Protein backbone atom coordinates (compact mmCIF):
# COMPACT_ATOMS: atom_id res chain seq x y z
CA GLN A 1 12.15 38.15 -95.79
CA VAL A 2 14.83 35.81 -94.52
CA GLN A 3 14.85 32.96 -92.02
CA LEU A 4 17.97 32.25 -89.99
CA VAL A 5 19.01 28.99 -88.33
CA GLU A 6 22.09 28.80 -86.09
CA SER A 7 24.12 25.70 -85.33
CA GLY A 8 27.47 24.75 -83.88
CA GLY A 9 27.01 25.62 -80.23
CA GLY A 10 28.04 23.31 -77.43
CA LEU A 11 30.14 22.77 -74.33
CA VAL A 12 33.85 23.55 -74.50
CA GLN A 13 36.65 24.04 -71.99
CA THR A 14 38.37 27.35 -71.39
CA GLY A 15 40.80 28.05 -74.20
CA GLY A 16 38.90 25.90 -76.65
CA SER A 17 37.27 26.79 -79.95
CA LEU A 18 33.88 26.57 -81.57
CA ARG A 19 32.57 27.56 -84.96
CA LEU A 20 29.02 28.78 -85.20
CA SER A 21 27.11 28.74 -88.46
CA CYS A 22 23.96 30.54 -89.45
CA ALA A 23 22.15 29.37 -92.55
CA ALA A 24 19.68 31.68 -94.22
CA SER A 25 16.79 31.07 -96.52
CA GLY A 26 15.96 33.30 -99.43
CA ARG A 27 17.74 34.40 -102.57
CA THR A 28 18.79 37.87 -101.42
CA PHE A 29 21.22 36.89 -98.68
CA SER A 30 23.91 39.20 -100.01
CA SER A 31 21.65 42.22 -99.56
CA TYR A 32 21.68 41.92 -95.76
CA MET A 33 24.21 43.10 -93.26
CA LEU A 34 24.69 40.39 -90.66
CA GLY A 35 25.52 40.33 -87.01
CA TRP A 36 26.09 37.97 -84.11
CA PHE A 37 24.72 38.86 -80.69
CA ARG A 38 24.74 36.99 -77.40
CA LEU A 39 22.56 36.84 -74.33
CA ALA A 40 23.94 35.64 -71.03
CA PRO A 41 21.86 35.02 -67.89
CA GLY A 42 21.22 38.22 -66.00
CA LYS A 43 22.65 40.39 -68.75
CA GLU A 44 21.33 42.32 -71.69
CA ARG A 45 21.78 41.09 -75.24
CA GLU A 46 25.07 42.39 -76.56
CA PHE A 47 26.68 42.83 -79.93
CA VAL A 48 29.49 40.40 -80.69
CA ALA A 49 30.44 40.82 -84.34
CA GLY A 50 29.07 42.17 -87.61
CA ILE A 51 29.88 41.96 -91.28
CA SER A 52 29.07 44.06 -94.31
CA ARG A 53 27.02 42.79 -97.22
CA SER A 54 30.04 41.89 -99.33
CA GLY A 55 32.01 40.53 -96.40
CA ALA A 56 34.79 43.03 -96.94
CA ASN A 57 34.34 44.75 -93.58
CA GLN A 58 34.03 43.17 -90.15
CA TYR A 59 33.22 44.74 -86.81
CA TYR A 60 33.82 43.37 -83.32
CA ALA A 61 33.04 44.06 -79.72
CA ASP A 62 36.16 44.88 -77.74
CA SER A 63 35.58 41.82 -75.56
CA VAL A 64 36.04 39.42 -78.49
CA LYS A 65 38.44 41.31 -80.73
CA GLY A 66 41.42 39.13 -81.63
CA ARG A 67 39.64 35.94 -80.56
CA PHE A 68 36.52 35.79 -82.74
CA THR A 69 36.26 36.03 -86.51
CA ILE A 70 33.09 36.64 -88.49
CA SER A 71 32.84 35.64 -92.12
CA ARG A 72 30.16 34.98 -94.70
CA ASP A 73 29.74 32.85 -97.77
CA ASN A 74 27.10 34.53 -99.88
CA PRO A 75 26.68 31.74 -102.47
CA LYS A 76 26.05 29.36 -99.55
CA ASN A 77 23.75 31.79 -97.72
CA THR A 78 25.76 31.25 -94.54
CA VAL A 79 27.50 33.41 -91.96
CA TYR A 80 30.06 32.02 -89.54
CA LEU A 81 31.53 32.96 -86.20
CA GLN A 82 34.85 31.32 -85.43
CA MET A 83 35.46 31.56 -81.70
CA ASN A 84 38.94 30.85 -80.33
CA SER A 85 40.49 31.15 -76.87
CA LEU A 86 37.07 30.87 -75.31
CA LYS A 87 36.52 32.10 -71.77
CA PRO A 88 33.80 31.31 -69.23
CA GLU A 89 32.44 34.83 -69.72
CA ASP A 90 31.68 33.91 -73.35
CA THR A 91 28.97 31.57 -72.10
CA ALA A 92 25.68 32.70 -73.62
CA VAL A 93 23.03 31.99 -76.20
CA TYR A 94 24.36 33.26 -79.51
CA TYR A 95 22.03 34.70 -82.12
CA CYS A 96 22.61 35.67 -85.70
CA ALA A 97 20.67 38.56 -87.14
CA ALA A 98 20.11 40.22 -90.50
CA ALA A 99 19.57 43.89 -91.23
CA GLU A 100 18.05 45.42 -94.33
CA SER A 101 20.66 48.14 -94.39
CA LEU A 102 22.98 49.40 -97.07
CA TYR A 103 25.74 50.73 -94.88
CA TRP A 104 27.25 50.01 -91.47
CA SER A 105 26.61 52.73 -88.93
CA ASP A 106 26.70 53.26 -85.20
CA THR A 107 23.22 51.78 -84.90
CA SER A 108 24.46 48.54 -86.48
CA TYR A 109 25.95 47.68 -83.09
CA THR A 110 22.47 47.65 -81.54
CA SER A 111 19.89 44.88 -81.72
CA GLN A 112 17.19 47.34 -82.72
CA ARG A 113 18.83 47.78 -86.12
CA TYR A 114 18.24 44.15 -87.12
CA ASP A 115 15.10 42.92 -88.79
CA TYR A 116 15.43 39.14 -88.63
CA TRP A 117 16.73 36.82 -85.92
CA GLY A 118 17.57 33.17 -85.55
CA GLN A 119 16.45 31.02 -82.63
CA GLY A 120 19.87 31.00 -80.98
CA THR A 121 22.45 28.38 -80.10
CA GLN A 122 23.88 27.76 -76.63
CA VAL A 123 27.60 28.14 -76.03
CA THR A 124 28.91 27.03 -72.64
CA VAL A 125 32.55 27.46 -71.66
CA SER A 126 33.63 25.54 -68.59
CA SER A 127 36.43 26.73 -66.34
């Protein structure tokens, strides 16, 4: 089992940047695939970015491709989401999630694939 705690959210102007962090407990962090999701008011939770267990492969939603970067530091049990060129439509609560999965697949883009979730961190982008 793993516990996830996000940090780094806040209020930023359009075009600004934020870096989210997600710290995990447990000694088997490297055995989990990780993802970032977001939930905006009136919308369903959506996939933002994902990363393989080694960190070698990253996956992005089309809406954030080229602006967001996911990375992980396995010795530090931490996954990051660097968000640049932020837009008002990026406003949401951002969640990190961990999946007990060996390989990335189509289902890895869905929240149902993930076994553990953090409590979320609010990101607000003002226009």
